[in-house]
C-alpha atoms as a PDB file:
ATOM      1  CA  MET A   1      38.120  27.603  -5.049  1.00  0.00           C
ATOM      2  CA  GLU A   2      34.213  25.213  -6.019  1.00  0.00           C
ATOM      3  CA  LYS A   3      34.726  22.413  -4.658  1.00  0.00           C
ATOM      4  CA  THR A   4      35.035  19.649  -7.700  1.00  0.00           C
ATOM      5  CA  GLU A   5      33.422  16.039  -8.198  1.00  0.00           C
ATOM      6  CA  GLN A   6      37.177  15.277  -9.347  1.00  0.00           C
ATOM      7  CA  SER A   7      37.776  15.994  -4.962  1.00  0.00           C
ATOM      8  CA  ASP A   8      35.020  13.815  -4.199  1.00  0.00           C
ATOM      9  CA  SER A   9      36.636  11.242  -6.316  1.00  0.00           C
ATOM     10  CA  ARG A  10      39.497  11.077  -4.191  1.00  0.00           C
ATOM     11  CA  LYS A  11      38.130  10.211  -1.052  1.00  0.00           C
ATOM     12  CA  PRO A  12      38.742   6.040  -0.377  1.00  0.00           C
ATOM     13  CA  ALA A  13      35.536   4.179  -0.999  1.00  0.00           C
ATOM     14  CA  LYS A  14      34.193   3.446   2.159  1.00  0.00           C
ATOM     15  CA  ARG A  15      34.054  -0.075   3.120  1.00  0.00           C
ATOM     16  CA  THR A  16      31.287  -2.429   3.839  1.00  0.00           C
ATOM     17  CA  LEU A  17      29.893  -4.274   7.143  1.00  0.00           C
ATOM     18  CA  GLU A  18      31.684  -7.244   5.737  1.00  0.00           C
ATOM     19  CA  GLN A  19      35.150  -5.873   4.748  1.00  0.00           C
ATOM     20  CA  MET A  20      34.941  -3.717   8.070  1.00  0.00           C
ATOM     21  CA  ILE A  21      35.286  -6.968  10.069  1.00  0.00           C
ATOM     22  CA  THR A  22      37.317  -9.139   7.508  1.00  0.00           C
ATOM     23  CA  ASP A  23      40.163  -6.286   7.500  1.00  0.00           C
ATOM     24  CA  LEU A  24      40.093  -6.063  11.656  1.00  0.00           C
ATOM     25  CA  CYS A  25      40.292  -9.399  12.126  1.00  0.00           C
ATOM     26  CA  ASN A  26      42.644  -9.709   8.888  1.00  0.00           C
ATOM     27  CA  ALA A  27      44.528  -6.642  11.363  1.00  0.00           C
ATOM     28  CA  GLN A  28      45.076  -8.968  14.211  1.00  0.00           C
ATOM     29  CA  GLY A  29      46.058 -12.061  12.096  1.00  0.00           C
ATOM     30  CA  PRO A  30      45.443 -15.818  12.547  1.00  0.00           C
ATOM     31  CA  GLY A  31      44.156 -17.101  15.812  1.00  0.00           C
ATOM     32  CA  LYS A  32      42.947 -14.076  17.172  1.00  0.00           C
ATOM     33  CA  THR A  33      39.573 -12.061  17.627  1.00  0.00           C
ATOM     34  CA  ILE A  34      37.954  -9.011  17.509  1.00  0.00           C
ATOM     35  CA  CYS A  35      34.854  -7.281  19.639  1.00  0.00           C
ATOM     36  CA  PRO A  36      31.886  -6.641  17.767  1.00  0.00           C
ATOM     37  CA  THR A  37      32.063  -3.281  19.303  1.00  0.00           C
ATOM     38  CA  ASP A  38      35.465  -2.951  17.583  1.00  0.00           C
ATOM     39  CA  ALA A  39      33.741  -3.410  14.363  1.00  0.00           C
ATOM     40  CA  ALA A  40      30.544  -1.158  15.106  1.00  0.00           C
ATOM     41  CA  LYS A  41      32.723   1.518  16.277  1.00  0.00           C
ATOM     42  CA  ALA A  42      35.312   1.609  13.127  1.00  0.00           C
ATOM     43  CA  PHE A  43      32.075   1.005  10.692  1.00  0.00           C
ATOM     44  CA  ALA A  44      30.674   4.465  12.710  1.00  0.00           C
ATOM     45  CA  ALA A  45      33.882   6.277  12.685  1.00  0.00           C
ATOM     46  CA  GLU A  46      34.776   5.746   9.017  1.00  0.00           C
ATOM     47  CA  ARG A  47      31.705   7.271   8.062  1.00  0.00           C
ATOM     48  CA  GLY A  48      31.880  10.348  10.861  1.00  0.00           C
ATOM     49  CA  GLU A  49      29.532  10.005  13.682  1.00  0.00           C
ATOM     50  CA  ASP A  50      29.658  10.866  16.855  1.00  0.00           C
ATOM     51  CA  ASP A  51      31.427   9.173  19.621  1.00  0.00           C
ATOM     52  CA  LEU A  52      28.130   7.110  20.081  1.00  0.00           C
ATOM     53  CA  GLY A  53      26.910   6.060  16.454  1.00  0.00           C
ATOM     54  CA  TRP A  54      28.537   3.160  16.400  1.00  0.00           C
ATOM     55  CA  ARG A  55      25.443   1.696  18.726  1.00  0.00           C
ATOM     56  CA  LYS A  56      23.380   1.769  16.106  1.00  0.00           C
ATOM     57  CA  TRP A  57      25.142  -0.524  13.899  1.00  0.00           C
ATOM     58  CA  LEU A  58      25.957  -3.583  16.867  1.00  0.00           C
ATOM     59  CA  GLN A  59      22.707  -5.560  15.392  1.00  0.00           C
ATOM     60  CA  GLN A  60      23.697  -4.563  11.919  1.00  0.00           C
ATOM     61  CA  VAL A  61      27.329  -6.474  13.269  1.00  0.00           C
ATOM     62  CA  ARG A  62      25.577  -9.408  14.033  1.00  0.00           C
ATOM     63  CA  SER A  63      23.270 -10.393  11.771  1.00  0.00           C
ATOM     64  CA  THR A  64      26.663  -9.382   9.032  1.00  0.00           C
ATOM     65  CA  ALA A  65      29.006 -11.971  11.396  1.00  0.00           C
ATOM     66  CA  VAL A  66      25.983 -14.770  11.481  1.00  0.00           C
ATOM     67  CA  GLY A  67      25.817 -14.451   7.506  1.00  0.00           C
ATOM     68  CA  MET A  68      29.655 -14.349   7.037  1.00  0.00           C
ATOM     69  CA  SER A  69      29.714 -17.488   9.205  1.00  0.00           C
ATOM     70  CA  ARG A  70      27.329 -19.434   7.646  1.00  0.00           C
ATOM     71  CA  LYS A  71      29.572 -18.921   4.136  1.00  0.00           C
ATOM     72  CA  GLY A  72      32.919 -20.095   6.039  1.00  0.00           C
ATOM     73  CA  ASP A  73      33.709 -16.861   6.223  1.00  0.00           C
ATOM     74  CA  LEU A  74      33.982 -15.953   9.421  1.00  0.00           C
ATOM     75  CA  VAL A  75      34.379 -17.988  13.037  1.00  0.00           C
ATOM     76  CA  ILE A  76      31.734 -16.896  15.720  1.00  0.00           C
ATOM     77  CA  TYR A  77      33.594 -17.674  19.265  1.00  0.00           C
ATOM     78  CA  ARG A  78      31.790 -17.736  22.926  1.00  0.00           C
ATOM     79  CA  LYS A  79      34.086 -18.447  25.780  1.00  0.00           C
ATOM     80  CA  GLY A  80      36.986 -19.255  23.258  1.00  0.00           C
ATOM     81  CA  LYS A  81      35.355 -21.518  21.056  1.00  0.00           C
ATOM     82  CA  PRO A  82      33.485 -21.847  17.908  1.00  0.00           C
ATOM     83  CA  VAL A  83      29.674 -21.429  18.336  1.00  0.00           C
ATOM     84  CA  ASP A  84      26.410 -22.171  15.973  1.00  0.00           C
ATOM     85  CA  PRO A  85      26.000 -18.593  14.043  1.00  0.00           C
ATOM     86  CA  ASP A  86      22.156 -19.806  14.604  1.00  0.00           C
ATOM     87  CA  THR A  87      21.770 -21.006  18.012  1.00  0.00           C
ATOM     88  CA  PHE A  88      24.580 -18.272  19.834  1.00  0.00           C
ATOM     89  CA  ARG A  89      23.614 -16.041  22.894  1.00  0.00           C
ATOM     90  CA  GLY A  90      25.498 -13.608  25.117  1.00  0.00           C
ATOM     91  CA  VAL A  91      28.910 -11.833  24.385  1.00  0.00           C
ATOM     92  CA  TYR A  92      30.729 -13.023  21.931  1.00  0.00           C
ATOM     93  CA  ARG A  93      33.835 -12.729  19.835  1.00  0.00           C
ATOM     94  CA  LEU A  94      35.026 -12.763  15.949  1.00  0.00           C
ATOM     95  CA  GLY A  95      38.004 -14.047  13.962  1.00  0.00           C
ATOM     96  CA  LEU A  96      39.025 -16.139  11.372  1.00  0.00           C
ATOM     97  CA  PRO A  97      38.932 -19.860  10.088  1.00  0.00           C
ATOM     98  CA  ARG A  98      41.474 -21.093  10.419  1.00  0.00           C
ATOM     99  CA  GLN A  99      43.946 -22.053   8.142  1.00  0.00           C
ATOM    100  CA  ASP A 100      45.295 -25.667   8.431  1.00  0.00           C
END
């Protein structure tokens, strides 16, 4: 049986990196954070990449997180405290902004 275009249209659409980060943060819940490697691994896995394919996405995760943080859609944390997206360095985590 030939593969049809219709069967391809049933595949779920691949999420953008911004959508992936948002979905992972939402899954953690309020006040919780994710590691950027989790976003890179999930993004690579959704694209069918091998076990180490996620590494190439780490810089893009960081760039996307900085952009989302500038818009107020995401908070970048370092040592448990929010940091300036333009000046932070080192190990960081990602979380959703508080809904006070």
